[in-house]
């Protein structure tokens, strides 16, 4: 076996179900990012005059982005691990 084959791991094909689960978080975060670009007035961080802390932090596009990241990190990753064990 050559040094290249030892250094580069084999490509693992995921099932369609695993691909969908892995894509939900990033697609949700991307949707929130697109929402923020389409409706920039929804992001009050861009014009915070006279707004309180919670009004600045709790913005729908920011929450959608955070939800996508949290889903990918804390739900999809363990679920993918379980799917890989189930499928063998």
PDB file of N, CA and C in Angstrom:
ATOM      1  N   UNK A   1       0.851  -1.177   0.000  1.00  0.00           N
ATOM      2  CA  UNK A   1       0.000   0.000   0.000  1.00  0.00           C
ATOM      3  C   UNK A   1       0.896   1.239   0.000  1.00  0.00           C
ATOM      4  N   UNK A   2       0.590   2.172  -0.866  1.00  0.00           N
ATOM      5  CA  UNK A   2       1.424   3.365  -0.991  1.00  0.00           C
ATOM      6  C   UNK A   2       1.136   4.347   0.147  1.00  0.00           C
ATOM      7  N   UNK A   3       2.023   5.322   0.290  1.00  0.00           N
ATOM      8  CA  UNK A   3       1.868   6.337   1.327  1.00  0.00           C
ATOM      9  C   UNK A   3       0.620   7.187   1.081  1.00  0.00           C
ATOM     10  N   UNK A   4       0.265   7.363  -0.182  1.00  0.00           N
ATOM     11  CA  UNK A   4      -0.920   8.156  -0.510  1.00  0.00           C
ATOM     12  C   UNK A   4      -2.186   7.486   0.022  1.00  0.00           C
ATOM     13  N   UNK A   5      -2.300   6.177  -0.176  1.00  0.00           N
ATOM     14  CA  UNK A   5      -3.486   5.456   0.264  1.00  0.00           C
ATOM     15  C   UNK A   5      -3.595   5.431   1.787  1.00  0.00           C
ATOM     16  N   UNK A   6      -2.468   5.463   2.492  1.00  0.00           N
ATOM     17  CA  UNK A   6      -2.515   5.497   3.947  1.00  0.00           C
ATOM     18  C   UNK A   6      -2.869   6.892   4.456  1.00  0.00           C
ATOM     19  N   UNK A   7      -2.482   7.934   3.727  1.00  0.00           N
ATOM     20  CA  UNK A   7      -2.721   9.310   4.176  1.00  0.00           C
ATOM     21  C   UNK A   7      -4.133   9.790   3.869  1.00  0.00           C
ATOM     22  N   UNK A   8      -4.728   9.302   2.791  1.00  0.00           N
ATOM     23  CA  UNK A   8      -6.061   9.741   2.373  1.00  0.00           C
ATOM     24  C   UNK A   8      -7.067   8.657   2.746  1.00  0.00           C
ATOM     25  N   UNK A   9      -8.025   8.988   3.618  1.00  0.00           N
ATOM     26  CA  UNK A   9      -9.012   7.968   3.996  1.00  0.00           C
ATOM     27  C   UNK A   9      -9.956   7.666   2.834  1.00  0.00           C
ATOM     28  N   UNK A  10     -10.542   6.504   2.882  1.00  0.00           N
ATOM     29  CA  UNK A  10     -11.492   6.104   1.845  1.00  0.00           C
ATOM     30  C   UNK A  10     -12.751   6.963   1.929  1.00  0.00           C
ATOM     31  N   UNK A  11     -13.339   7.232   0.789  1.00  0.00           N
ATOM     32  CA  UNK A  11     -14.565   8.014   0.743  1.00  0.00           C
ATOM     33  C   UNK A  11     -15.724   7.123   1.173  1.00  0.00           C
ATOM     34  N   UNK A  12     -16.488   7.623   2.135  1.00  0.00           N
ATOM     35  CA  UNK A  12     -17.617   6.866   2.647  1.00  0.00           C
ATOM     36  C   UNK A  12     -18.894   7.436   2.038  1.00  0.00           C
ATOM     37  N   UNK A  13     -19.669   6.570   1.378  1.00  0.00           N
ATOM     38  CA  UNK A  13     -20.936   6.997   0.790  1.00  0.00           C
ATOM     39  C   UNK A  13     -22.010   6.936   1.855  1.00  0.00           C
ATOM     40  N   UNK A  14     -22.733   8.030   2.029  1.00  0.00           N
ATOM     41  CA  UNK A  14     -23.829   8.075   2.981  1.00  0.00           C
ATOM     42  C   UNK A  14     -25.127   7.749   2.263  1.00  0.00           C
ATOM     43  N   UNK A  15     -26.059   7.229   3.024  1.00  0.00           N
ATOM     44  CA  UNK A  15     -27.373   6.949   2.463  1.00  0.00           C
ATOM     45  C   UNK A  15     -28.095   8.266   2.199  1.00  0.00           C
ATOM     46  N   UNK A  16     -29.150   8.183   1.441  1.00  0.00           N
ATOM     47  CA  UNK A  16     -29.950   9.381   1.127  1.00  0.00           C
ATOM     48  C   UNK A  16     -30.502   9.998   2.409  1.00  0.00           C
ATOM     49  N   UNK A  17     -30.937   9.162   3.342  1.00  0.00           N
ATOM     50  CA  UNK A  17     -31.471   9.640   4.611  1.00  0.00           C
ATOM     51  C   UNK A  17     -30.405  10.417   5.393  1.00  0.00           C
ATOM     52  N   UNK A  18     -29.186   9.895   5.437  1.00  0.00           N
ATOM     53  CA  UNK A  18     -28.105  10.567   6.148  1.00  0.00           C
ATOM     54  C   UNK A  18     -27.736  11.883   5.458  1.00  0.00           C
ATOM     55  N   UNK A  19     -27.774  11.910   4.139  1.00  0.00           N
ATOM     56  CA  UNK A  19     -27.480  13.144   3.412  1.00  0.00           C
ATOM     57  C   UNK A  19     -28.514  14.220   3.720  1.00  0.00           C
ATOM     58  N   UNK A  20     -29.779  13.826   3.821  1.00  0.00           N
ATOM     59  CA  UNK A  20     -30.840  14.793   4.131  1.00  0.00           C
ATOM     60  C   UNK A  20     -30.665  15.330   5.545  1.00  0.00           C
ATOM     61  N   UNK A  21     -30.400  14.448   6.503  1.00  0.00           N
ATOM     62  CA  UNK A  21     -30.206  14.881   7.888  1.00  0.00           C
ATOM     63  C   UNK A  21     -29.009  15.816   7.993  1.00  0.00           C
ATOM     64  N   UNK A  22     -27.929  15.506   7.282  1.00  0.00           N
ATOM     65  CA  UNK A  22     -26.735  16.350   7.329  1.00  0.00           C
ATOM     66  C   UNK A  22     -26.973  17.705   6.671  1.00  0.00           C
ATOM     67  N   UNK A  23     -27.908  17.790   5.731  1.00  0.00           N
ATOM     68  CA  UNK A  23     -28.135  19.038   5.004  1.00  0.00           C
ATOM     69  C   UNK A  23     -29.127  19.972   5.690  1.00  0.00           C
ATOM     70  N   UNK A  24     -29.934  19.482   6.611  1.00  0.00           N
ATOM     71  CA  UNK A  24     -30.984  20.313   7.207  1.00  0.00           C
ATOM     72  C   UNK A  24     -30.401  21.517   7.943  1.00  0.00           C
ATOM     73  N   UNK A  25     -29.399  21.320   8.777  1.00  0.00           N
ATOM     74  CA  UNK A  25     -28.816  22.418   9.545  1.00  0.00           C
ATOM     75  C   UNK A  25     -28.186  23.494   8.671  1.00  0.00           C
ATOM     76  N   UNK A  26     -27.270  23.126   7.771  1.00  0.00           N
ATOM     77  CA  UNK A  26     -26.674  24.143   6.905  1.00  0.00           C
ATOM     78  C   UNK A  26     -27.689  24.852   6.010  1.00  0.00           C
ATOM     79  N   UNK A  27     -28.691  24.125   5.506  1.00  0.00           N
ATOM     80  CA  UNK A  27     -29.708  24.768   4.667  1.00  0.00           C
ATOM     81  C   UNK A  27     -30.568  25.737   5.475  1.00  0.00           C
ATOM     82  N   UNK A  28     -30.850  25.401   6.729  1.00  0.00           N
ATOM     83  CA  UNK A  28     -31.602  26.304   7.590  1.00  0.00           C
ATOM     84  C   UNK A  28     -30.799  27.572   7.866  1.00  0.00           C
ATOM     85  N   UNK A  29     -29.521  27.418   8.178  1.00  0.00           N
ATOM     86  CA  UNK A  29     -28.672  28.584   8.420  1.00  0.00           C
ATOM     87  C   UNK A  29     -28.539  29.432   7.152  1.00  0.00           C
ATOM     88  N   UNK A  30     -28.419  28.783   6.013  1.00  0.00           N
ATOM     89  CA  UNK A  30     -28.351  29.509   4.747  1.00  0.00           C
ATOM     90  C   UNK A  30     -29.643  30.265   4.490  1.00  0.00           C
ATOM     91  N   UNK A  31     -30.774  29.655   4.808  1.00  0.00           N
ATOM     92  CA  UNK A  31     -32.061  30.330   4.665  1.00  0.00           C
ATOM     93  C   UNK A  31     -32.143  31.578   5.538  1.00  0.00           C
ATOM     94  N   UNK A  32     -31.652  31.488   6.767  1.00  0.00           N
ATOM     95  CA  UNK A  32     -31.624  32.662   7.647  1.00  0.00           C
ATOM     96  C   UNK A  32     -30.709  33.743   7.113  1.00  0.00           C
ATOM     97  N   UNK A  33     -29.587  33.339   6.546  1.00  0.00           N
ATOM     98  CA  UNK A  33     -28.659  34.311   5.968  1.00  0.00           C
ATOM     99  C   UNK A  33     -29.276  34.994   4.754  1.00  0.00           C
ATOM    100  N   UNK A  34     -29.935  34.221   3.908  1.00  0.00           N
ATOM    101  CA  UNK A  34     -30.617  34.815   2.755  1.00  0.00           C
ATOM    102  C   UNK A  34     -31.732  35.755   3.201  1.00  0.00           C
ATOM    103  N   UNK A  35     -32.458  35.372   4.232  1.00  0.00           N
ATOM    104  CA  UNK A  35     -33.522  36.213   4.777  1.00  0.00           C
ATOM    105  C   UNK A  35     -32.950  37.536   5.270  1.00  0.00           C
ATOM    106  N   UNK A  36     -31.780  37.471   5.913  1.00  0.00           N
ATOM    107  CA  UNK A  36     -31.138  38.690   6.409  1.00  0.00           C
ATOM    108  C   UNK A  36     -30.712  39.599   5.252  1.00  0.00           C
ATOM    109  N   UNK A  37     -30.288  39.006   4.132  1.00  0.00           N
ATOM    110  CA  UNK A  37     -29.898  39.826   2.983  1.00  0.00           C
ATOM    111  C   UNK A  37     -31.108  40.368   2.223  1.00  0.00           C
ATOM    112  N   UNK A  38     -32.168  39.574   2.159  1.00  0.00           N
ATOM    113  CA  UNK A  38     -33.359  40.013   1.446  1.00  0.00           C
ATOM    114  C   UNK A  38     -34.088  41.111   2.209  1.00  0.00           C
ATOM    115  N   UNK A  39     -34.150  40.989   3.537  1.00  0.00           N
ATOM    116  CA  UNK A  39     -34.810  41.980   4.376  1.00  0.00           C
ATOM    117  C   UNK A  39     -33.828  42.531   5.408  1.00  0.00           C
ATOM    118  N   UNK A  40     -32.887  43.372   4.994  1.00  0.00           N
ATOM    119  CA  UNK A  40     -31.883  43.857   5.946  1.00  0.00           C
ATOM    120  C   UNK A  40     -32.474  44.743   7.040  1.00  0.00           C
ATOM    121  N   UNK A  41     -33.661  45.296   6.832  1.00  0.00           N
ATOM    122  CA  UNK A  41     -34.261  46.124   7.874  1.00  0.00           C
ATOM    123  C   UNK A  41     -34.669  45.292   9.084  1.00  0.00           C
ATOM    124  N   UNK A  42     -34.770  43.945   8.919  1.00  0.00           N
ATOM    125  CA  UNK A  42     -35.103  43.059  10.043  1.00  0.00           C
ATOM    126  C   UNK A  42     -33.948  42.947  11.030  1.00  0.00           C
ATOM    127  N   UNK A  43     -32.727  43.240  10.595  1.00  0.00           N
ATOM    128  CA  UNK A  43     -31.552  43.149  11.459  1.00  0.00           C
ATOM    129  C   UNK A  43     -31.326  44.522  12.078  1.00  0.00           C
ATOM    130  N   UNK A  44     -31.773  44.708  13.309  1.00  0.00           N
ATOM    131  CA  UNK A  44     -31.644  46.024  13.941  1.00  0.00           C
ATOM    132  C   UNK A  44     -30.225  46.297  14.416  1.00  0.00           C
ATOM    133  N   UNK A  45     -29.346  45.285  14.330  1.00  0.00           N
ATOM    134  CA  UNK A  45     -27.941  45.538  14.658  1.00  0.00           C
ATOM    135  C   UNK A  45     -27.334  46.550  13.687  1.00  0.00           C
ATOM    136  N   UNK A  46     -27.930  46.658  12.502  1.00  0.00           N
ATOM    137  CA  UNK A  46     -27.424  47.600  11.510  1.00  0.00           C
ATOM    138  C   UNK A  46     -27.816  49.040  11.843  1.00  0.00           C
ATOM    139  N   UNK A  47     -28.883  49.229  12.611  1.00  0.00           N
ATOM    140  CA  UNK A  47     -29.321  50.560  13.029  1.00  0.00           C
ATOM    141  C   UNK A  47     -29.887  50.462  14.453  1.00  0.00           C
ATOM    142  N   UNK A  48     -29.003  50.380  15.468  1.00  0.00           N
ATOM    143  CA  UNK A  48     -29.445  50.072  16.828  1.00  0.00           C
ATOM    144  C   UNK A  48     -29.927  51.265  17.659  1.00  0.00           C
ATOM    145  N   UNK A  49     -30.181  52.387  17.062  1.00  0.00           N
ATOM    146  CA  UNK A  49     -30.507  53.594  17.814  1.00  0.00           C
ATOM    147  C   UNK A  49     -31.807  53.448  18.592  1.00  0.00           C
ATOM    148  N   UNK A  50     -31.729  53.615  19.904  1.00  0.00           N
ATOM    149  CA  UNK A  50     -32.904  53.575  20.756  1.00  0.00           C
ATOM    150  C   UNK A  50     -33.469  52.195  21.006  1.00  0.00           C
ATOM    151  N   UNK A  51     -32.732  51.147  20.710  1.00  0.00           N
ATOM    152  CA  UNK A  51     -33.212  49.782  20.894  1.00  0.00           C
ATOM    153  C   UNK A  51     -32.518  49.153  22.101  1.00  0.00           C
ATOM    154  N   UNK A  52     -33.223  48.298  22.825  1.00  0.00           N
ATOM    155  CA  UNK A  52     -32.657  47.592  23.963  1.00  0.00           C
ATOM    156  C   UNK A  52     -31.875  46.364  23.535  1.00  0.00           C
ATOM    157  N   UNK A  53     -31.195  45.744  24.492  1.00  0.00           N
ATOM    158  CA  UNK A  53     -30.342  44.592  24.221  1.00  0.00           C
ATOM    159  C   UNK A  53     -31.132  43.437  23.596  1.00  0.00           C
ATOM    160  N   UNK A  54     -32.257  43.052  24.209  1.00  0.00           N
ATOM    161  CA  UNK A  54     -33.017  41.918  23.712  1.00  0.00           C
ATOM    162  C   UNK A  54     -33.643  42.200  22.358  1.00  0.00           C
ATOM    163  N   UNK A  55     -33.986  43.431  22.116  1.00  0.00           N
ATOM    164  CA  UNK A  55     -34.529  43.782  20.806  1.00  0.00           C
ATOM    165  C   UNK A  55     -33.468  43.596  19.720  1.00  0.00           C
ATOM    166  N   UNK A  56     -32.198  43.836  20.092  1.00  0.00           N
ATOM    167  CA  UNK A  56     -31.103  43.683  19.131  1.00  0.00           C
ATOM    168  C   UNK A  56     -30.717  42.221  18.922  1.00  0.00           C
ATOM    169  N   UNK A  57     -30.777  41.430  19.973  1.00  0.00           N
ATOM    170  CA  UNK A  57     -30.299  40.052  19.896  1.00  0.00           C
ATOM    171  C   UNK A  57     -31.357  39.114  19.314  1.00  0.00           C
ATOM    172  N   UNK A  58     -32.603  39.312  19.690  1.00  0.00           N
ATOM    173  CA  UNK A  58     -33.660  38.394  19.281  1.00  0.00           C
ATOM    174  C   UNK A  58     -34.289  38.892  17.990  1.00  0.00           C
ATOM    175  N   UNK A  59     -33.617  38.623  16.903  1.00  0.00           N
ATOM    176  CA  UNK A  59     -34.091  38.969  15.567  1.00  0.00           C
ATOM    177  C   UNK A  59     -34.345  37.680  14.807  1.00  0.00           C
ATOM    178  N   UNK A  60     -35.464  37.585  14.115  1.00  0.00           N
ATOM    179  CA  UNK A  60     -35.812  36.320  13.445  1.00  0.00           C
ATOM    180  C   UNK A  60     -34.720  35.751  12.528  1.00  0.00           C
ATOM    181  N   UNK A  61     -34.093  36.520  11.639  1.00  0.00           N
ATOM    182  CA  UNK A  61     -33.053  35.898  10.803  1.00  0.00           C
ATOM    183  C   UNK A  61     -31.864  35.390  11.624  1.00  0.00           C
ATOM    184  N   UNK A  62     -31.499  36.114  12.675  1.00  0.00           N
ATOM    185  CA  UNK A  62     -30.388  35.662  13.521  1.00  0.00           C
ATOM    186  C   UNK A  62     -30.760  34.392  14.271  1.00  0.00           C
ATOM    187  N   UNK A  63     -32.011  34.305  14.707  1.00  0.00           N
ATOM    188  CA  UNK A  63     -32.464  33.095  15.389  1.00  0.00           C
ATOM    189  C   UNK A  63     -32.489  31.895  14.446  1.00  0.00           C
ATOM    190  N   UNK A  64     -32.873  32.096  13.203  1.00  0.00           N
ATOM    191  CA  UNK A  64     -32.898  31.003  12.228  1.00  0.00           C
ATOM    192  C   UNK A  64     -31.475  30.522  11.943  1.00  0.00           C
ATOM    193  N   UNK A  65     -30.544  31.442  11.809  1.00  0.00           N
ATOM    194  CA  UNK A  65     -29.137  31.059  11.599  1.00  0.00           C
ATOM    195  C   UNK A  65     -28.616  30.278  12.796  1.00  0.00           C
ATOM    196  N   UNK A  66     -28.897  30.768  14.001  1.00  0.00           N
ATOM    197  CA  UNK A  66     -28.450  30.078  15.216  1.00  0.00           C
ATOM    198  C   UNK A  66     -29.087  28.697  15.323  1.00  0.00           C
ATOM    199  N   UNK A  67     -30.369  28.593  14.977  1.00  0.00           N
ATOM    200  CA  UNK A  67     -31.052  27.308  15.026  1.00  0.00           C
ATOM    201  C   UNK A  67     -30.424  26.306  14.050  1.00  0.00           C
ATOM    202  N   UNK A  68     -30.073  26.753  12.866  1.00  0.00           N
ATOM    203  CA  UNK A  68     -29.420  25.865  11.904  1.00  0.00           C
ATOM    204  C   UNK A  68     -28.076  25.366  12.402  1.00  0.00           C
ATOM    205  N   UNK A  69     -27.304  26.258  13.016  1.00  0.00           N
ATOM    206  CA  UNK A  69     -25.993  25.868  13.550  1.00  0.00           C
ATOM    207  C   UNK A  69     -26.154  24.903  14.717  1.00  0.00           C
ATOM    208  N   UNK A  70     -27.085  25.212  15.622  1.00  0.00           N
ATOM    209  CA  UNK A  70     -27.317  24.339  16.774  1.00  0.00           C
ATOM    210  C   UNK A  70     -27.839  22.972  16.345  1.00  0.00           C
ATOM    211  N   UNK A  71     -28.715  22.934  15.350  1.00  0.00           N
ATOM    212  CA  UNK A  71     -29.217  21.659  14.857  1.00  0.00           C
ATOM    213  C   UNK A  71     -28.078  20.825  14.281  1.00  0.00           C
ATOM    214  N   UNK A  72     -27.237  21.457  13.480  1.00  0.00           N
ATOM    215  CA  UNK A  72     -26.127  20.724  12.868  1.00  0.00           C
ATOM    216  C   UNK A  72     -25.163  20.181  13.924  1.00  0.00           C
ATOM    217  N   UNK A  73     -24.936  20.955  14.983  1.00  0.00           N
ATOM    218  CA  UNK A  73     -23.960  20.550  15.990  1.00  0.00           C
ATOM    219  C   UNK A  73     -24.512  19.545  16.995  1.00  0.00           C
ATOM    220  N   UNK A  74     -25.743  19.756  17.453  1.00  0.00           N
ATOM    221  CA  UNK A  74     -26.231  18.971  18.581  1.00  0.00           C
ATOM    222  C   UNK A  74     -27.308  17.948  18.248  1.00  0.00           C
ATOM    223  N   UNK A  75     -27.899  18.010  17.070  1.00  0.00           N
ATOM    224  CA  UNK A  75     -28.919  17.037  16.705  1.00  0.00           C
ATOM    225  C   UNK A  75     -28.440  16.164  15.543  1.00  0.00           C
ATOM    226  N   UNK A  76     -27.983  16.793  14.472  1.00  0.00           N
ATOM    227  CA  UNK A  76     -27.611  16.039  13.277  1.00  0.00           C
ATOM    228  C   UNK A  76     -26.379  15.171  13.502  1.00  0.00           C
ATOM    229  N   UNK A  77     -25.384  15.681  14.190  1.00  0.00           N
ATOM    230  CA  UNK A  77     -24.148  14.911  14.373  1.00  0.00           C
ATOM    231  C   UNK A  77     -24.402  13.601  15.127  1.00  0.00           C
ATOM    232  N   UNK A  78     -25.083  13.626  16.293  1.00  0.00           N
ATOM    233  CA  UNK A  78     -25.372  12.343  16.955  1.00  0.00           C
ATOM    234  C   UNK A  78     -26.325  11.452  16.147  1.00  0.00           C
ATOM    235  N   UNK A  79     -27.277  12.066  15.462  1.00  0.00           N
ATOM    236  CA  UNK A  79     -28.209  11.292  14.653  1.00  0.00           C
ATOM    237  C   UNK A  79     -27.487  10.594  13.500  1.00  0.00           C
ATOM    238  N   UNK A  80     -26.548  11.283  12.880  1.00  0.00           N
ATOM    239  CA  UNK A  80     -25.761  10.660  11.806  1.00  0.00           C
ATOM    240  C   UNK A  80     -24.919   9.503  12.346  1.00  0.00           C
ATOM    241  N   UNK A  81     -24.391   9.674  13.537  1.00  0.00           N
ATOM    242  CA  UNK A  81     -23.616   8.597  14.154  1.00  0.00           C
ATOM    243  C   UNK A  81     -24.501   7.369  14.369  1.00  0.00           C
ATOM    244  N   UNK A  82     -25.724   7.598  14.862  1.00  0.00           N
ATOM    245  CA  UNK A  82     -26.657   6.487  15.061  1.00  0.00           C
ATOM    246  C   UNK A  82     -27.058   5.847  13.734  1.00  0.00           C
ATOM    247  N   UNK A  83     -27.273   6.654  12.700  1.00  0.00           N
ATOM    248  CA  UNK A  83     -27.624   6.099  11.389  1.00  0.00           C
ATOM    249  C   UNK A  83     -26.496   5.263  10.813  1.00  0.00           C
ATOM    250  N   UNK A  84     -25.248   5.701  11.002  1.00  0.00           N
ATOM    251  CA  UNK A  84     -24.111   4.926  10.506  1.00  0.00           C
ATOM    252  C   UNK A  84     -24.008   3.584  11.225  1.00  0.00           C
ATOM    253  N   UNK A  85     -24.270   3.592  12.537  1.00  0.00           N
ATOM    254  CA  UNK A  85     -24.234   2.327  13.278  1.00  0.00           C
ATOM    255  C   UNK A  85     -25.366   1.401  12.840  1.00  0.00           C
ATOM    256  N   UNK A  86     -26.536   1.966  12.586  1.00  0.00           N
ATOM    257  CA  UNK A  86     -27.700   1.180  12.181  1.00  0.00           C
ATOM    258  C   UNK A  86     -27.500   0.565  10.799  1.00  0.00           C
ATOM    259  N   UNK A  87     -26.937   1.340   9.880  1.00  0.00           N
ATOM    260  CA  UNK A  87     -26.747   0.863   8.505  1.00  0.00           C
ATOM    261  C   UNK A  87     -25.513  -0.012   8.361  1.00  0.00           C
ATOM    262  N   UNK A  88     -24.628   0.047   9.333  1.00  0.00           N
ATOM    263  CA  UNK A  88     -23.455  -0.824   9.335  1.00  0.00           C
ATOM    264  C   UNK A  88     -22.393  -0.276   8.515  1.00  0.00           C
TER     265      UNK A  88
END
